[in-house]
C-alpha cells in the first residue's frame, strides 16, 4: 500500500510540475523569434523599412498571454542607421518548433 501511495504522489508532483510550466515565451524566446522574422521579412520586401537586412537589435518591453498558445510581445526594433520602431508582435506556440510570429503591427517609427 505504501508503494502505491508513493507512486500516486510522485505522479501528482510530476504532473503539477509539467502543467505549471510557462505558457508565455521568455523575453529571450520572443526576441529570437521576432529578430529572425523581421530579418526574413526584410529580405523578402526590400522596399520596406526592414529591407536590406538593416535591423541591429530587437528589445522586448513585455510579453503577455492573449489566450492558450498565443502571446503578445511589445517590441522596439532598432535599425542600423539609428532609427527605431515600436511593434506589437503576436506569437503562437507551434509544436515542436517553438514560438513563431503570426502577425505584427508597427505602432511607431522614429
N, C-alpha and C. Protein backbone atom coordinates (compact mmCIF):
# COMPACT_ATOMS: atom_id res chain seq x y z
N UNK A 1 0.82 -1.20 0.00
CA UNK A 1 0.00 0.00 0.00
C UNK A 1 0.86 1.27 0.00
N UNK A 2 1.98 1.23 0.75
CA UNK A 2 2.84 2.40 0.81
C UNK A 2 3.47 2.69 -0.56
N UNK A 3 3.84 1.65 -1.28
CA UNK A 3 4.43 1.85 -2.60
C UNK A 3 3.42 2.49 -3.55
N UNK A 4 2.18 2.08 -3.45
CA UNK A 4 1.14 2.66 -4.30
C UNK A 4 0.92 4.13 -3.97
N UNK A 5 0.88 4.49 -2.70
CA UNK A 5 0.71 5.89 -2.29
C UNK A 5 1.89 6.73 -2.76
N UNK A 6 3.08 6.19 -2.62
CA UNK A 6 4.27 6.91 -3.07
C UNK A 6 4.24 7.11 -4.59
N UNK A 7 3.80 6.09 -5.31
CA UNK A 7 3.69 6.19 -6.76
C UNK A 7 2.67 7.26 -7.16
N UNK A 8 1.52 7.31 -6.51
CA UNK A 8 0.49 8.30 -6.81
C UNK A 8 0.99 9.70 -6.51
N UNK A 9 1.66 9.87 -5.38
CA UNK A 9 2.20 11.19 -5.01
C UNK A 9 3.26 11.63 -6.03
N UNK A 10 4.10 10.71 -6.43
CA UNK A 10 5.12 11.02 -7.43
C UNK A 10 4.50 11.44 -8.77
N UNK A 11 3.48 10.73 -9.20
CA UNK A 11 2.78 11.09 -10.45
C UNK A 11 2.13 12.46 -10.33
N UNK A 12 1.53 12.77 -9.20
CA UNK A 12 0.91 14.09 -9.00
C UNK A 12 1.94 15.21 -9.02
N UNK A 13 3.08 14.98 -8.39
CA UNK A 13 4.13 16.00 -8.38
C UNK A 13 4.66 16.24 -9.78
N UNK A 14 4.91 15.19 -10.52
CA UNK A 14 5.40 15.34 -11.90
C UNK A 14 4.34 16.03 -12.76
N UNK A 15 3.08 15.66 -12.57
CA UNK A 15 2.00 16.31 -13.32
C UNK A 15 1.89 17.79 -13.02
N UNK A 16 2.02 18.16 -11.75
CA UNK A 16 1.95 19.58 -11.39
C UNK A 16 3.14 20.35 -11.93
N UNK A 17 4.30 19.75 -11.92
CA UNK A 17 5.49 20.44 -12.41
C UNK A 17 5.39 20.71 -13.91
N UNK A 18 4.86 19.78 -14.66
CA UNK A 18 4.77 19.98 -16.11
C UNK A 18 3.59 20.85 -16.48
N UNK A 19 2.52 20.81 -15.73
CA UNK A 19 1.35 21.63 -16.07
C UNK A 19 1.57 23.08 -15.70
N UNK A 20 2.44 23.36 -14.76
CA UNK A 20 2.70 24.73 -14.35
C UNK A 20 3.84 25.36 -15.14
N UNK A 21 4.31 24.68 -16.16
CA UNK A 21 5.38 25.23 -16.99
C UNK A 21 4.87 26.47 -17.70
N UNK A 22 5.78 27.36 -18.05
CA UNK A 22 5.39 28.63 -18.64
C UNK A 22 4.64 28.51 -19.95
N UNK A 23 3.51 29.19 -20.02
CA UNK A 23 2.74 29.21 -21.26
C UNK A 23 3.04 30.45 -22.07
N UNK A 24 3.87 31.31 -21.55
CA UNK A 24 4.25 32.55 -22.22
C UNK A 24 5.73 32.47 -22.55
N UNK A 25 6.14 32.92 -23.74
CA UNK A 25 7.57 32.83 -24.07
C UNK A 25 8.39 33.77 -23.18
N UNK A 26 9.60 33.39 -22.93
CA UNK A 26 10.50 34.27 -22.21
C UNK A 26 10.89 35.43 -23.14
N UNK A 27 11.47 36.45 -22.56
CA UNK A 27 11.90 37.59 -23.37
C UNK A 27 12.94 37.17 -24.41
N UNK A 28 13.79 36.22 -24.04
CA UNK A 28 14.81 35.74 -24.96
C UNK A 28 14.18 35.01 -26.15
N UNK A 29 13.16 34.18 -25.88
CA UNK A 29 12.49 33.45 -26.96
C UNK A 29 11.73 34.41 -27.87
N UNK A 30 11.04 35.40 -27.28
CA UNK A 30 10.30 36.37 -28.08
C UNK A 30 11.26 37.22 -28.92
N UNK A 31 12.40 37.59 -28.35
CA UNK A 31 13.39 38.38 -29.08
C UNK A 31 13.95 37.59 -30.26
N UNK A 32 14.28 36.34 -30.03
CA UNK A 32 14.84 35.50 -31.08
C UNK A 32 13.84 35.29 -32.22
N UNK A 33 12.58 35.00 -31.87
CA UNK A 33 11.56 34.78 -32.90
C UNK A 33 11.31 36.06 -33.69
N UNK A 34 11.24 37.22 -33.01
CA UNK A 34 10.98 38.49 -33.68
C UNK A 34 12.15 38.91 -34.57
N UNK A 35 13.36 38.77 -34.07
CA UNK A 35 14.53 39.17 -34.84
C UNK A 35 14.66 38.35 -36.12
N UNK A 36 14.51 37.04 -36.01
CA UNK A 36 14.64 36.21 -37.21
C UNK A 36 13.49 36.49 -38.18
N UNK A 37 12.29 36.75 -37.66
CA UNK A 37 11.15 37.04 -38.54
C UNK A 37 11.38 38.34 -39.31
N UNK A 38 11.78 39.41 -38.62
CA UNK A 38 11.95 40.69 -39.30
C UNK A 38 13.13 40.69 -40.26
N UNK A 39 14.17 39.91 -39.97
CA UNK A 39 15.27 39.80 -40.93
C UNK A 39 14.82 39.09 -42.20
N UNK A 40 14.04 38.01 -42.05
CA UNK A 40 13.50 37.32 -43.23
C UNK A 40 12.53 38.21 -43.99
N UNK A 41 11.72 38.98 -43.26
CA UNK A 41 10.77 39.90 -43.88
C UNK A 41 11.51 40.97 -44.68
N UNK A 42 12.62 41.47 -44.15
CA UNK A 42 13.42 42.47 -44.84
C UNK A 42 14.04 41.95 -46.12
N UNK A 43 14.44 40.68 -46.13
CA UNK A 43 15.00 40.11 -47.35
C UNK A 43 13.92 39.92 -48.42
N UNK A 44 12.70 39.64 -47.97
CA UNK A 44 11.61 39.40 -48.92
C UNK A 44 11.05 40.70 -49.50
N UNK A 45 10.93 41.72 -48.65
CA UNK A 45 10.36 43.01 -49.08
C UNK A 45 11.42 44.09 -48.88
N UNK A 46 12.22 44.32 -49.90
CA UNK A 46 13.34 45.26 -49.80
C UNK A 46 12.91 46.72 -49.68
N UNK A 47 11.72 47.07 -50.19
CA UNK A 47 11.30 48.47 -50.18
C UNK A 47 10.75 48.93 -48.83
N UNK A 48 10.58 48.03 -47.89
CA UNK A 48 10.08 48.40 -46.55
C UNK A 48 11.23 48.91 -45.69
N UNK A 49 10.92 49.52 -44.55
CA UNK A 49 12.00 49.95 -43.64
C UNK A 49 12.85 48.78 -43.12
N UNK A 50 12.32 47.57 -43.19
CA UNK A 50 13.07 46.41 -42.72
C UNK A 50 13.98 45.84 -43.79
N UNK A 51 13.93 46.39 -45.00
CA UNK A 51 14.68 45.84 -46.12
C UNK A 51 16.18 45.96 -45.97
N UNK A 52 16.88 45.22 -46.77
CA UNK A 52 18.34 45.21 -46.86
C UNK A 52 19.01 44.80 -45.55
N UNK A 53 18.35 43.99 -44.74
CA UNK A 53 18.91 43.42 -43.51
C UNK A 53 19.45 44.49 -42.56
N UNK A 54 18.74 45.57 -42.41
CA UNK A 54 19.27 46.66 -41.61
C UNK A 54 18.72 46.69 -40.18
N UNK A 55 18.36 45.57 -39.62
CA UNK A 55 17.91 45.51 -38.23
C UNK A 55 19.09 45.09 -37.37
N UNK A 56 19.38 45.90 -36.35
CA UNK A 56 20.51 45.56 -35.50
C UNK A 56 20.09 44.89 -34.21
N UNK A 57 18.91 45.25 -33.67
CA UNK A 57 18.53 44.70 -32.37
C UNK A 57 17.02 44.75 -32.21
N UNK A 58 16.50 43.84 -31.41
CA UNK A 58 15.09 43.84 -31.01
C UNK A 58 15.07 43.79 -29.49
N UNK A 59 14.39 44.74 -28.87
CA UNK A 59 14.26 44.80 -27.43
C UNK A 59 12.82 44.49 -27.06
N UNK A 60 12.63 43.65 -26.07
CA UNK A 60 11.29 43.26 -25.63
C UNK A 60 10.91 44.09 -24.41
N UNK A 61 9.82 44.85 -24.52
CA UNK A 61 9.32 45.62 -23.38
C UNK A 61 8.47 44.76 -22.45
N UNK A 62 7.72 43.84 -23.01
CA UNK A 62 6.87 42.98 -22.20
C UNK A 62 6.21 41.92 -23.05
N UNK A 63 5.87 40.82 -22.40
CA UNK A 63 5.18 39.71 -23.07
C UNK A 63 4.00 39.32 -22.20
N UNK A 64 2.84 39.20 -22.82
CA UNK A 64 1.66 38.77 -22.07
C UNK A 64 0.89 37.73 -22.86
N UNK A 65 0.19 36.87 -22.13
CA UNK A 65 -0.57 35.81 -22.76
C UNK A 65 -1.91 36.36 -23.24
N UNK A 66 -2.25 36.11 -24.50
CA UNK A 66 -3.53 36.52 -25.05
C UNK A 66 -4.56 35.42 -24.83
N UNK A 67 -4.21 34.21 -25.19
CA UNK A 67 -5.03 33.03 -24.94
C UNK A 67 -4.08 31.83 -24.95
N UNK A 68 -4.64 30.64 -24.83
CA UNK A 68 -3.81 29.45 -24.78
C UNK A 68 -3.00 29.32 -26.07
N UNK A 69 -1.69 29.22 -25.92
CA UNK A 69 -0.72 29.10 -27.02
C UNK A 69 -0.53 30.37 -27.84
N UNK A 70 -1.07 31.49 -27.40
CA UNK A 70 -0.88 32.77 -28.10
C UNK A 70 -0.37 33.81 -27.11
N UNK A 71 0.61 34.60 -27.54
CA UNK A 71 1.17 35.65 -26.69
C UNK A 71 1.38 36.91 -27.51
N UNK A 72 1.40 38.04 -26.82
CA UNK A 72 1.60 39.34 -27.46
C UNK A 72 2.85 39.97 -26.86
N UNK A 73 3.79 40.33 -27.71
CA UNK A 73 5.05 40.93 -27.27
C UNK A 73 5.12 42.37 -27.74
N UNK A 74 5.46 43.27 -26.83
CA UNK A 74 5.68 44.67 -27.15
C UNK A 74 7.18 44.83 -27.40
N UNK A 75 7.55 45.17 -28.64
CA UNK A 75 8.96 45.20 -29.02
C UNK A 75 9.38 46.57 -29.52
N UNK A 76 10.66 46.84 -29.38
CA UNK A 76 11.29 48.01 -30.00
C UNK A 76 12.36 47.47 -30.95
N UNK A 77 12.23 47.81 -32.22
CA UNK A 77 13.14 47.33 -33.25
C UNK A 77 14.13 48.45 -33.56
N UNK A 78 15.40 48.18 -33.37
CA UNK A 78 16.45 49.17 -33.62
C UNK A 78 17.09 48.86 -34.97
N UNK A 79 17.17 49.89 -35.81
CA UNK A 79 17.77 49.74 -37.13
C UNK A 79 19.23 50.16 -37.09
N UNK A 80 19.99 49.74 -38.08
CA UNK A 80 21.42 50.04 -38.14
C UNK A 80 21.67 51.54 -38.23
N UNK A 81 20.81 52.28 -38.93
CA UNK A 81 21.01 53.72 -39.11
C UNK A 81 20.62 54.55 -37.89
N UNK A 82 20.21 53.92 -36.79
CA UNK A 82 19.89 54.64 -35.57
C UNK A 82 18.41 54.84 -35.32
N UNK A 83 17.58 54.63 -36.32
CA UNK A 83 16.14 54.77 -36.13
C UNK A 83 15.61 53.60 -35.32
N UNK A 84 14.41 53.79 -34.79
CA UNK A 84 13.77 52.72 -34.01
C UNK A 84 12.29 52.70 -34.33
N UNK A 85 11.71 51.54 -34.21
CA UNK A 85 10.28 51.38 -34.43
C UNK A 85 9.70 50.51 -33.32
N UNK A 86 8.49 50.83 -32.94
CA UNK A 86 7.80 50.05 -31.92
C UNK A 86 6.77 49.18 -32.61
N UNK A 87 6.74 47.89 -32.27
CA UNK A 87 5.83 46.96 -32.91
C UNK A 87 5.21 46.03 -31.87
N UNK A 88 3.95 45.69 -32.12
CA UNK A 88 3.29 44.65 -31.35
C UNK A 88 3.36 43.37 -32.18
N UNK A 89 3.89 42.32 -31.60
CA UNK A 89 4.10 41.07 -32.30
C UNK A 89 3.28 39.98 -31.63
N UNK A 90 2.45 39.29 -32.42
CA UNK A 90 1.66 38.18 -31.89
C UNK A 90 2.38 36.89 -32.20
N UNK A 91 2.59 36.08 -31.16
CA UNK A 91 3.34 34.83 -31.28
C UNK A 91 2.42 33.65 -31.00
N UNK A 92 2.70 32.54 -31.68
CA UNK A 92 1.95 31.30 -31.46
C UNK A 92 2.94 30.19 -31.13
N UNK A 93 2.59 29.38 -30.15
CA UNK A 93 3.42 28.26 -29.77
C UNK A 93 3.06 27.08 -30.66
N UNK A 94 3.95 26.76 -31.59
CA UNK A 94 3.72 25.65 -32.52
C UNK A 94 4.59 24.48 -32.12
N UNK A 95 3.93 23.35 -31.90
CA UNK A 95 4.67 22.14 -31.52
C UNK A 95 5.26 21.50 -32.76
N UNK A 96 6.45 21.07 -32.80
CA UNK A 96 7.55 21.10 -31.85
C UNK A 96 8.50 22.26 -32.12
N UNK A 97 8.15 23.18 -32.98
CA UNK A 97 9.07 24.22 -33.40
C UNK A 97 9.28 25.37 -32.44
N UNK A 98 8.42 25.56 -31.49
CA UNK A 98 8.56 26.66 -30.55
C UNK A 98 7.67 27.82 -30.93
N UNK A 99 8.06 29.02 -30.54
CA UNK A 99 7.26 30.23 -30.76
C UNK A 99 7.53 30.80 -32.14
N UNK A 100 6.46 31.10 -32.87
CA UNK A 100 6.54 31.66 -34.22
C UNK A 100 5.71 32.94 -34.29
N UNK A 101 6.17 33.90 -35.08
CA UNK A 101 5.43 35.15 -35.29
C UNK A 101 4.31 34.88 -36.28
N UNK A 102 3.07 35.24 -35.91
CA UNK A 102 1.96 35.04 -36.84
C UNK A 102 1.41 36.36 -37.35
N UNK A 103 1.58 37.45 -36.60
CA UNK A 103 1.16 38.76 -37.09
C UNK A 103 1.90 39.83 -36.30
N UNK A 104 1.95 41.01 -36.87
CA UNK A 104 2.60 42.12 -36.19
C UNK A 104 2.03 43.43 -36.71
N UNK A 105 2.21 44.47 -35.93
CA UNK A 105 1.75 45.80 -36.32
C UNK A 105 2.77 46.83 -35.86
N UNK A 106 3.22 47.65 -36.79
CA UNK A 106 4.18 48.70 -36.48
C UNK A 106 3.40 49.89 -35.90
N UNK A 107 3.66 50.22 -34.66
CA UNK A 107 2.93 51.29 -33.97
C UNK A 107 3.55 52.64 -34.22
N UNK A 108 4.86 52.71 -34.12
CA UNK A 108 5.53 53.99 -34.32
C UNK A 108 6.90 53.80 -34.93
N UNK A 109 7.38 54.84 -35.61
CA UNK A 109 8.67 54.80 -36.26
C UNK A 109 9.33 56.14 -36.06
N UNK A 110 10.51 56.16 -35.48
CA UNK A 110 11.21 57.43 -35.25
C UNK A 110 12.65 57.34 -35.64
